Protein backbone atom coordinates (compact mmCIF):
# COMPACT_ATOMS: atom_id res chain seq x y z
CA UNK A 1 1.21 19.22 -36.65
CA UNK A 2 2.41 19.21 -33.07
CA UNK A 3 0.26 22.16 -31.92
CA UNK A 4 -2.77 20.17 -33.43
CA UNK A 5 -2.09 17.06 -31.41
CA UNK A 6 -1.45 19.26 -28.11
CA UNK A 7 -4.62 20.86 -28.41
CA UNK A 8 -6.68 17.49 -28.67
CA UNK A 9 -4.80 16.28 -25.77
CA UNK A 10 -7.28 17.81 -23.37
CA UNK A 11 -10.38 16.82 -25.38
CA UNK A 12 -9.11 13.20 -25.49
CA UNK A 13 -8.53 12.99 -21.66
CA UNK A 14 -11.80 14.37 -21.17
CA UNK A 15 -13.57 11.56 -23.37
CA UNK A 16 -11.72 9.36 -21.43
CA UNK A 17 -12.59 10.31 -18.24
CA UNK A 18 -16.13 10.36 -18.93
CA UNK A 19 -16.12 6.58 -20.25
CA UNK A 20 -14.10 5.60 -17.36
CA UNK A 21 -16.78 7.50 -14.79
CA UNK A 22 -19.40 5.93 -16.66
CA UNK A 23 -18.25 2.12 -16.16
CA UNK A 24 -17.27 2.87 -12.47
CA UNK A 25 -20.99 4.09 -11.85
CA UNK A 26 -22.49 1.15 -13.80
CA UNK A 27 -20.30 -1.24 -11.50
CA UNK A 28 -21.37 0.71 -8.48
CA UNK A 29 -24.98 0.74 -9.39
CA UNK A 30 -24.67 -3.12 -10.04
CA UNK A 31 -23.33 -3.80 -6.76
CA UNK A 32 -25.80 -1.93 -4.86
CA UNK A 33 -28.56 -3.48 -6.55
CA UNK A 34 -27.41 -6.87 -6.01
CA UNK A 35 -26.96 -5.98 -2.15
CA UNK A 36 -30.25 -4.91 -1.89
CA UNK A 37 -32.42 -7.20 -4.01
CA UNK A 38 -30.34 -10.25 -2.71
CA UNK A 39 -29.94 -10.89 -6.54
CA UNK A 40 -26.86 -12.18 -8.44
CA UNK A 41 -26.65 -10.43 -11.90
CA UNK A 42 -24.12 -11.02 -14.51
CA UNK A 43 -24.13 -8.98 -17.80
CA UNK A 44 -21.88 -11.85 -19.29
CA UNK A 45 -22.56 -14.73 -20.76
CA UNK A 46 -19.74 -16.45 -19.94
CA UNK A 47 -20.34 -16.14 -16.41
CA UNK A 48 -24.29 -16.99 -16.74
CA UNK A 49 -23.51 -20.94 -16.03
CA UNK A 50 -21.57 -20.17 -12.73
CA UNK A 51 -24.87 -17.58 -11.79
CA UNK A 52 -27.26 -20.62 -12.63
CA UNK A 53 -25.19 -23.03 -10.81
CA UNK A 54 -25.12 -21.04 -7.27
CA UNK A 55 -28.62 -20.41 -8.00
CA UNK A 56 -29.73 -23.59 -6.51
CA UNK A 57 -33.06 -24.90 -6.38
CA UNK A 58 -34.92 -22.20 -4.41
CA UNK A 59 -33.74 -19.40 -6.61
CA UNK A 60 -35.36 -18.14 -9.61
CA UNK A 61 -32.66 -18.02 -12.55
CA UNK A 62 -33.75 -15.96 -15.40
CA UNK A 63 -31.68 -15.13 -18.80
CA UNK A 64 -32.40 -12.32 -20.98
CA UNK A 65 -30.82 -10.80 -24.25
CA UNK A 66 -29.73 -7.25 -24.08
CA UNK A 67 -30.20 -4.09 -26.55
CA UNK A 68 -26.62 -5.02 -28.23
CA UNK A 69 -27.45 -8.79 -28.26
CA UNK A 70 -25.30 -10.41 -25.60
CA UNK A 71 -26.82 -12.36 -22.93
CA UNK A 72 -27.46 -11.41 -19.49
CA UNK A 73 -28.42 -13.50 -16.45
CA UNK A 74 -30.04 -13.13 -12.97
CA UNK A 75 -30.62 -15.40 -10.04
CA UNK A 76 -33.49 -13.98 -7.65
CA UNK A 77 -32.80 -15.70 -4.14
């Protein structure tokens, strides 16, 4: 049984590395998008009230439902 679990270790590490890379790439893309477009974006419903509060009178605040059913929001300044 140990031989079987040792053989799976490289596969498990590869899968975990792929997930981590994807999350890092998503975060980097979000930071770049916010910087280029002067937009504050959140993909977490718990952060949307803060985004809305920071948006101010001159910002354009929007919310939308993502594919997984969670709420996301943005303020376009």
